[in-house]
Amino acid sequence: MRIFIDANILISRIVFEGNEREFLKKSISKEIQLVSSEDTINEVSKIIEMKFPEFLDIYRELLVILNIEIISRKKYKDKIKSYTVIRDKNDRHILASATEGKCEYIVTEDKDLLVLIEFENIKIINARGIMENLTR
């Protein structure tokens, strides 16, 4: 199973307890390949450095432990403009990279993404929803 994880899931996992943390713990022990985009990883790095610098080392270790496959921007950058179904154009890279990464799910807490429910056969779901799917 290939699951794209959005920036808010990674940040929540590192800084706060909750469904996001439980989801990422489960992903270590399951046959799941976590996927993210170069843009997402860059965004998370900037936010951690600016707002939560005390978690920077944990973040770097987490990227290694989770073995997140990072889709290079050059693989999806030409497709970004064509993903106009989403209101926030800054989230288009998520749809483009999840499609490029052949993901089955996008896990996010972003309402602009969640409202889509599904995009090109990729289910868009929050951390609680993916936890329910993983325990079935």
Protein backbone atom coordinates (compact mmCIF):
# COMPACT_ATOMS: atom_id res chain seq x y z
CA MET A 1 0.00 0.00 0.00
CA ARG A 2 1.37 3.39 -1.01
CA ILE A 3 0.25 6.30 1.16
CA PHE A 4 1.08 9.96 0.52
CA ILE A 5 1.52 11.93 3.73
CA ASP A 6 0.94 15.66 3.84
CA ALA A 7 2.98 18.19 5.83
CA ASN A 8 0.37 18.56 8.57
CA ILE A 9 0.54 14.80 9.30
CA LEU A 10 4.32 14.85 9.65
CA ILE A 11 4.36 17.96 11.83
CA SER A 12 1.56 16.67 14.05
CA ARG A 13 3.37 13.35 14.43
CA ILE A 14 6.55 15.02 15.58
CA VAL A 15 5.13 17.72 17.84
CA PHE A 16 1.80 16.43 19.14
CA GLU A 17 0.22 13.17 20.23
CA GLY A 18 -2.86 11.88 18.47
CA ASN A 19 -4.10 9.95 15.46
CA GLU A 20 -1.20 11.17 13.31
CA ARG A 21 1.35 9.71 15.71
CA GLU A 22 -0.54 6.42 15.92
CA PHE A 23 -0.83 6.21 12.14
CA LEU A 24 2.89 6.70 11.63
CA LYS A 25 3.71 4.15 14.35
CA LYS A 26 1.50 1.61 12.58
CA SER A 27 3.08 2.40 9.24
CA ILE A 28 6.44 1.20 10.51
CA SER A 29 5.15 -2.29 11.25
CA LYS A 30 2.80 -2.71 8.27
CA GLU A 31 3.53 -3.29 4.63
CA ILE A 32 3.11 0.37 3.80
CA GLN A 33 5.29 2.62 1.71
CA LEU A 34 4.97 6.21 2.84
CA VAL A 35 5.35 8.73 0.05
CA SER A 36 5.72 12.50 0.10
CA SER A 37 6.78 15.25 -2.26
CA GLU A 38 9.93 17.30 -2.30
CA ASP A 39 7.73 20.38 -1.73
CA THR A 40 6.10 18.80 1.33
CA ILE A 41 9.40 17.79 2.88
CA ASN A 42 10.81 21.29 2.28
CA GLU A 43 7.69 22.83 3.86
CA VAL A 44 7.93 20.61 6.93
CA SER A 45 11.64 21.36 7.32
CA LYS A 46 11.02 25.12 7.24
CA ILE A 47 8.15 24.93 9.74
CA ILE A 48 10.09 22.71 12.15
CA GLU A 49 13.14 24.99 11.94
CA MET A 50 11.08 28.16 12.51
CA LYS A 51 8.42 27.07 15.00
CA PHE A 52 9.71 23.88 16.65
CA PRO A 53 13.53 23.88 16.41
CA GLU A 54 13.77 21.59 19.44
CA PHE A 55 12.22 18.83 17.27
CA LEU A 56 14.62 19.18 14.31
CA ASP A 57 16.76 16.16 15.20
CA ILE A 58 13.68 14.02 15.83
CA TYR A 59 12.32 15.06 12.43
CA ARG A 60 15.52 14.08 10.64
CA GLU A 61 15.58 10.71 12.41
CA LEU A 62 11.91 10.14 11.61
CA LEU A 63 12.52 10.61 7.88
CA VAL A 64 15.12 7.83 8.01
CA ILE A 65 13.12 5.48 10.26
CA LEU A 66 9.93 5.82 8.20
CA ASN A 67 11.85 5.37 4.95
CA ILE A 68 9.62 7.92 3.23
CA GLU A 69 9.89 7.85 -0.55
CA ILE A 70 10.25 11.46 -1.65
CA ILE A 71 8.95 12.24 -5.13
CA SER A 72 11.31 14.70 -6.81
CA ARG A 73 9.79 18.00 -7.87
CA LYS A 74 11.08 17.57 -11.40
CA LYS A 75 8.84 14.50 -11.78
CA TYR A 76 5.60 16.39 -11.07
CA LYS A 77 6.28 20.12 -11.58
CA ASP A 78 4.93 20.20 -15.15
CA LYS A 79 1.64 18.63 -14.01
CA ILE A 80 0.91 21.01 -11.11
CA LYS A 81 -0.91 23.65 -13.19
CA SER A 82 -3.34 21.09 -14.59
CA TYR A 83 -4.70 20.12 -11.15
CA THR A 84 -7.30 22.87 -10.92
CA VAL A 85 -9.93 20.84 -9.01
CA ILE A 86 -8.49 22.06 -5.72
CA ARG A 87 -9.24 25.54 -4.42
CA ASP A 88 -5.80 26.20 -2.90
CA LYS A 89 -3.28 26.23 -5.73
CA ASN A 90 -0.50 25.69 -3.18
CA ASP A 91 -1.85 22.17 -2.61
CA ARG A 92 -1.77 21.16 -6.27
CA HIS A 93 1.67 19.62 -5.86
CA ILE A 94 0.15 17.08 -3.46
CA LEU A 95 -2.26 15.79 -6.08
CA ALA A 96 0.44 15.82 -8.76
CA SER A 97 3.04 14.01 -6.67
CA ALA A 98 0.58 11.48 -5.20
CA THR A 99 -0.50 10.65 -8.75
CA GLU A 100 3.11 10.44 -9.90
CA GLY A 101 3.92 8.24 -6.89
CA LYS A 102 1.03 5.86 -7.70
CA CYS A 103 -0.44 6.27 -4.22
CA GLU A 104 -3.67 4.66 -3.06
CA TYR A 105 -4.28 7.23 -0.31
CA ILE A 106 -3.46 10.81 0.58
CA VAL A 107 -3.46 11.29 4.36
CA THR A 108 -4.01 14.90 5.35
CA GLU A 109 -5.93 17.18 7.69
CA ASP A 110 -6.24 19.87 5.00
CA LYS A 111 -9.93 20.61 4.40
CA ASP A 112 -9.30 21.75 0.82
CA LEU A 113 -8.00 18.26 0.05
CA LEU A 114 -10.39 16.27 2.25
CA VAL A 115 -13.44 17.78 0.53
CA LEU A 116 -12.38 16.06 -2.70
CA ILE A 117 -12.77 12.62 -1.01
CA GLU A 118 -11.10 10.94 -3.99
CA PHE A 119 -8.99 12.07 -6.91
CA GLU A 120 -7.95 9.86 -9.85
CA ASN A 121 -8.63 6.71 -7.78
CA ILE A 122 -6.62 8.05 -4.82
CA LYS A 123 -8.68 8.18 -1.63
CA ILE A 124 -8.17 11.37 0.38
CA ILE A 125 -8.57 10.70 4.07
CA ASN A 126 -7.57 12.03 7.49
CA ALA A 127 -5.40 10.23 10.06
CA ARG A 128 -8.38 8.79 11.90
CA GLY A 129 -9.81 7.42 8.66
CA ILE A 130 -6.59 5.73 7.61
CA MET A 131 -6.26 4.18 11.08
CA GLU A 132 -9.73 2.66 10.67
CA ASN A 133 -8.77 1.31 7.23
CA LEU A 134 -5.50 -0.18 8.51
CA THR A 135 -7.19 -2.05 11.36
CA ARG A 136 -9.75 -3.76 9.07
